[in-house]
């Protein structure tokens, strides 16, 4: 059955989503992005930014970049401080 999924991040991403909110950065868009059969839940459409897991294929990254997205590679561990590049891409918190 086809359920309308609200923005509940995958379990593995929940700490990262909480960290993004704690850092005061923009929240990801409500709907994930599906590219080449890969679900990418961390997408900020208004900023044209998408976060992909470390180890994502170069083809996936190239496809996203061809769609005018800036690709941010997620670190394996949730950082304790805001990654400077992500802060720059999403605009500094107010």
N, C-alpha and C. Protein backbone atom coordinates (compact mmCIF):
# COMPACT_ATOMS: atom_id res chain seq x y z
N UNK A 1 0.83 -1.19 0.00
CA UNK A 1 0.00 0.00 0.00
C UNK A 1 0.87 1.25 0.00
N UNK A 2 0.31 2.30 -0.51
CA UNK A 2 1.07 3.54 -0.68
C UNK A 2 0.69 4.52 0.42
N UNK A 3 1.62 4.74 1.33
CA UNK A 3 1.34 5.66 2.44
C UNK A 3 2.02 6.99 2.17
N UNK A 4 1.35 8.04 2.58
CA UNK A 4 1.96 9.36 2.52
C UNK A 4 2.89 9.47 3.73
N UNK A 5 4.17 9.52 3.46
CA UNK A 5 5.12 9.55 4.58
C UNK A 5 5.38 10.99 4.99
N UNK A 6 5.17 11.27 6.24
CA UNK A 6 5.54 12.59 6.75
C UNK A 6 7.04 12.59 6.96
N UNK A 7 7.55 13.72 7.35
CA UNK A 7 9.00 13.85 7.43
C UNK A 7 9.51 13.19 8.71
N UNK A 8 9.58 11.90 8.68
CA UNK A 8 10.18 11.16 9.79
C UNK A 8 11.43 10.53 9.20
N UNK A 9 12.60 11.06 9.59
CA UNK A 9 13.83 10.58 8.94
C UNK A 9 14.08 9.11 9.24
N UNK A 10 14.78 8.44 8.35
CA UNK A 10 15.17 7.06 8.63
C UNK A 10 15.92 7.01 9.95
N UNK A 11 15.79 5.91 10.65
CA UNK A 11 16.36 5.79 11.99
C UNK A 11 17.83 6.20 12.04
N UNK A 12 18.60 5.76 11.05
CA UNK A 12 20.02 6.07 11.04
C UNK A 12 20.32 7.56 10.88
N UNK A 13 19.36 8.30 10.33
CA UNK A 13 19.59 9.73 10.09
C UNK A 13 19.02 10.61 11.19
N UNK A 14 18.23 10.02 12.07
CA UNK A 14 17.57 10.82 13.10
C UNK A 14 18.56 11.66 13.92
N UNK A 15 19.69 11.08 14.38
CA UNK A 15 20.65 11.91 15.14
C UNK A 15 21.17 13.08 14.31
N UNK A 16 21.37 12.85 13.02
CA UNK A 16 21.87 13.91 12.16
C UNK A 16 20.83 15.00 11.97
N UNK A 17 19.58 14.60 11.76
CA UNK A 17 18.51 15.59 11.60
C UNK A 17 18.37 16.41 12.89
N UNK A 18 18.45 15.74 14.02
CA UNK A 18 18.37 16.46 15.31
C UNK A 18 19.56 17.42 15.46
N UNK A 19 20.74 16.98 15.03
CA UNK A 19 21.92 17.85 15.11
C UNK A 19 21.75 19.07 14.21
N UNK A 20 21.21 18.86 13.00
CA UNK A 20 20.99 19.98 12.07
C UNK A 20 20.07 21.01 12.72
N UNK A 21 19.01 20.53 13.37
CA UNK A 21 18.09 21.44 14.06
C UNK A 21 18.80 22.14 15.22
N UNK A 22 19.61 21.39 15.97
CA UNK A 22 20.32 21.97 17.11
C UNK A 22 21.31 23.04 16.67
N UNK A 23 21.89 22.85 15.48
CA UNK A 23 22.84 23.84 14.95
C UNK A 23 22.14 25.08 14.43
N UNK A 24 20.81 25.03 14.36
CA UNK A 24 20.06 26.19 13.88
C UNK A 24 20.03 26.29 12.37
N UNK A 25 20.31 25.20 11.68
CA UNK A 25 20.28 25.23 10.22
C UNK A 25 18.86 24.96 9.73
N UNK A 26 18.64 25.26 8.48
CA UNK A 26 17.33 25.03 7.87
C UNK A 26 16.98 23.55 7.93
N UNK A 27 15.71 23.26 8.17
CA UNK A 27 15.26 21.86 8.18
C UNK A 27 15.19 21.35 6.76
N UNK A 28 15.45 20.04 6.58
CA UNK A 28 15.31 19.47 5.24
C UNK A 28 13.87 19.56 4.75
N UNK A 29 13.70 19.48 3.44
CA UNK A 29 12.36 19.49 2.84
C UNK A 29 11.55 18.30 3.35
N UNK A 30 10.23 18.44 3.30
CA UNK A 30 9.35 17.39 3.80
C UNK A 30 9.41 16.11 2.97
N UNK A 31 9.63 16.25 1.68
CA UNK A 31 9.64 15.06 0.83
C UNK A 31 11.06 14.72 0.42
N UNK A 32 11.38 13.44 0.50
CA UNK A 32 12.71 13.02 0.09
C UNK A 32 12.83 13.10 -1.43
N UNK A 33 14.04 13.06 -1.89
CA UNK A 33 14.33 13.10 -3.32
C UNK A 33 14.71 11.69 -3.75
N UNK A 34 14.14 11.23 -4.83
CA UNK A 34 14.46 9.90 -5.33
C UNK A 34 15.19 10.05 -6.66
N UNK A 35 16.43 9.59 -6.68
CA UNK A 35 17.27 9.70 -7.88
C UNK A 35 17.90 8.35 -8.15
N UNK A 36 17.75 7.87 -9.35
CA UNK A 36 18.33 6.58 -9.75
C UNK A 36 17.94 5.46 -8.77
N UNK A 37 16.72 5.53 -8.26
CA UNK A 37 16.25 4.49 -7.34
C UNK A 37 16.76 4.63 -5.92
N UNK A 38 17.46 5.72 -5.63
CA UNK A 38 18.00 5.95 -4.29
C UNK A 38 17.16 7.02 -3.61
N UNK A 39 16.68 6.73 -2.40
CA UNK A 39 15.93 7.72 -1.63
C UNK A 39 16.91 8.60 -0.86
N UNK A 40 16.79 9.90 -1.06
CA UNK A 40 17.67 10.86 -0.37
C UNK A 40 16.79 11.75 0.51
N UNK A 41 16.69 11.40 1.80
CA UNK A 41 15.77 12.15 2.66
C UNK A 41 16.29 13.54 3.06
N UNK A 42 17.60 13.73 2.99
CA UNK A 42 18.15 15.03 3.41
C UNK A 42 18.35 15.92 2.19
N UNK A 43 17.27 16.62 1.83
CA UNK A 43 17.31 17.52 0.68
C UNK A 43 16.69 18.84 1.09
N UNK A 44 17.35 19.91 0.69
CA UNK A 44 16.85 21.27 0.94
C UNK A 44 16.59 21.87 -0.43
N UNK A 45 15.38 21.69 -0.92
CA UNK A 45 15.07 22.12 -2.29
C UNK A 45 15.26 23.62 -2.47
N UNK A 46 14.85 24.41 -1.48
CA UNK A 46 14.95 25.86 -1.63
C UNK A 46 16.39 26.33 -1.67
N UNK A 47 17.31 25.52 -1.15
CA UNK A 47 18.74 25.88 -1.19
C UNK A 47 19.48 25.12 -2.29
N UNK A 48 18.77 24.18 -2.94
CA UNK A 48 19.37 23.31 -3.98
C UNK A 48 20.56 22.54 -3.40
N UNK A 49 20.35 22.00 -2.20
CA UNK A 49 21.39 21.23 -1.52
C UNK A 49 20.83 19.85 -1.21
N UNK A 50 21.64 18.83 -1.39
CA UNK A 50 21.25 17.47 -1.00
C UNK A 50 22.44 16.83 -0.28
N UNK A 51 22.14 16.13 0.82
CA UNK A 51 23.19 15.43 1.56
C UNK A 51 23.12 13.96 1.21
N UNK A 52 24.26 13.38 0.89
CA UNK A 52 24.32 11.97 0.55
C UNK A 52 25.27 11.26 1.50
N UNK A 53 25.04 9.96 1.72
CA UNK A 53 25.93 9.24 2.63
C UNK A 53 27.34 9.14 2.09
N UNK A 54 28.29 9.08 3.00
CA UNK A 54 29.68 8.85 2.62
C UNK A 54 29.71 7.52 1.87
N UNK A 55 30.35 7.50 0.72
CA UNK A 55 30.38 6.27 -0.05
C UNK A 55 29.35 6.23 -1.17
N UNK A 56 28.59 7.32 -1.34
CA UNK A 56 27.64 7.39 -2.45
C UNK A 56 28.42 7.32 -3.76
N UNK A 57 27.81 6.71 -4.77
CA UNK A 57 28.52 6.54 -6.03
C UNK A 57 28.78 7.88 -6.72
N UNK A 58 29.87 7.92 -7.46
CA UNK A 58 30.20 9.14 -8.18
C UNK A 58 29.14 9.43 -9.24
N UNK A 59 28.49 8.37 -9.76
CA UNK A 59 27.42 8.56 -10.73
C UNK A 59 26.25 9.30 -10.10
N UNK A 60 25.90 8.91 -8.86
CA UNK A 60 24.80 9.56 -8.15
C UNK A 60 25.13 11.04 -7.92
N UNK A 61 26.34 11.30 -7.45
CA UNK A 61 26.76 12.68 -7.20
C UNK A 61 26.72 13.49 -8.49
N UNK A 62 27.22 12.92 -9.57
CA UNK A 62 27.23 13.62 -10.87
C UNK A 62 25.80 13.89 -11.33
N UNK A 63 24.90 12.93 -11.15
CA UNK A 63 23.50 13.10 -11.55
C UNK A 63 22.87 14.25 -10.76
N UNK A 64 23.11 14.27 -9.46
CA UNK A 64 22.55 15.34 -8.62
C UNK A 64 23.11 16.70 -9.05
N UNK A 65 24.41 16.74 -9.31
CA UNK A 65 25.01 18.01 -9.72
C UNK A 65 24.45 18.46 -11.07
N UNK A 66 24.13 17.50 -11.95
CA UNK A 66 23.54 17.86 -13.24
C UNK A 66 22.13 18.41 -13.07
N UNK A 67 21.51 18.10 -11.92
CA UNK A 67 20.17 18.62 -11.61
C UNK A 67 20.28 19.96 -10.86
N UNK A 68 21.47 20.53 -10.81
CA UNK A 68 21.74 21.83 -10.17
C UNK A 68 21.67 21.76 -8.65
N UNK A 69 21.92 20.57 -8.08
CA UNK A 69 22.03 20.47 -6.63
C UNK A 69 23.50 20.55 -6.24
N UNK A 70 23.76 21.16 -5.09
CA UNK A 70 25.08 21.08 -4.49
C UNK A 70 25.04 19.86 -3.58
N UNK A 71 26.03 18.99 -3.70
CA UNK A 71 26.04 17.74 -2.95
C UNK A 71 26.96 17.88 -1.74
N UNK A 72 26.41 17.55 -0.57
CA UNK A 72 27.19 17.54 0.67
C UNK A 72 27.34 16.08 1.08
N UNK A 73 28.58 15.62 1.23
CA UNK A 73 28.82 14.24 1.65
C UNK A 73 28.76 14.18 3.17
N UNK A 74 27.86 13.35 3.66
CA UNK A 74 27.70 13.24 5.11
C UNK A 74 28.87 12.49 5.74
N UNK A 75 29.35 12.98 6.87
CA UNK A 75 30.40 12.24 7.58
C UNK A 75 29.79 10.95 8.16
N UNK A 76 30.65 9.95 8.41
CA UNK A 76 30.16 8.69 8.97
C UNK A 76 29.60 8.89 10.37
N UNK A 77 30.24 9.74 11.15
CA UNK A 77 29.78 10.04 12.50
C UNK A 77 29.14 11.43 12.51
N UNK A 78 28.12 11.61 13.34
CA UNK A 78 27.51 12.93 13.46
C UNK A 78 28.51 13.87 14.12
N UNK A 79 28.87 14.96 13.45
CA UNK A 79 29.84 15.89 14.05
C UNK A 79 29.24 16.59 15.26
N UNK A 80 30.11 17.01 16.17
CA UNK A 80 29.62 17.72 17.36
C UNK A 80 29.37 19.19 17.05
N UNK A 81 30.02 19.70 16.01
CA UNK A 81 29.83 21.10 15.63
C UNK A 81 29.33 21.16 14.19
N UNK A 82 28.74 22.27 13.84
CA UNK A 82 28.21 22.45 12.50
C UNK A 82 29.32 22.31 11.47
N UNK A 83 29.16 21.44 10.47
CA UNK A 83 30.16 21.41 9.39
C UNK A 83 30.13 22.76 8.66
N UNK A 84 31.25 23.45 8.56
CA UNK A 84 31.26 24.79 7.96
C UNK A 84 30.65 24.82 6.56
N UNK A 85 30.93 23.80 5.75
CA UNK A 85 30.40 23.80 4.39
C UNK A 85 28.88 23.72 4.40
N UNK A 86 28.33 22.88 5.27
CA UNK A 86 26.88 22.74 5.34
C UNK A 86 26.25 24.06 5.81
N UNK A 87 26.86 24.70 6.79
CA UNK A 87 26.35 25.99 7.28
C UNK A 87 26.37 27.02 6.15
N UNK A 88 27.44 27.01 5.36
CA UNK A 88 27.56 27.96 4.25
C UNK A 88 26.49 27.67 3.19
N UNK A 89 26.29 26.40 2.87
CA UNK A 89 25.32 26.02 1.83
C UNK A 89 23.89 26.36 2.24
N UNK A 90 23.60 26.21 3.52
CA UNK A 90 22.22 26.42 4.00
C UNK A 90 22.01 27.83 4.54
N UNK A 91 23.04 28.65 4.49
CA UNK A 91 22.92 30.00 5.02
C UNK A 91 23.12 29.96 6.52
N UNK A 92 23.76 30.95 7.04
CA UNK A 92 24.02 30.98 8.47
C UNK A 92 22.71 31.13 9.24
N UNK A 93 22.65 30.50 10.42
CA UNK A 93 21.43 30.65 11.23
C UNK A 93 21.21 32.11 11.62
N UNK A 94 19.98 32.45 11.81
CA UNK A 94 19.65 33.83 12.18
C UNK A 94 20.02 34.11 13.62
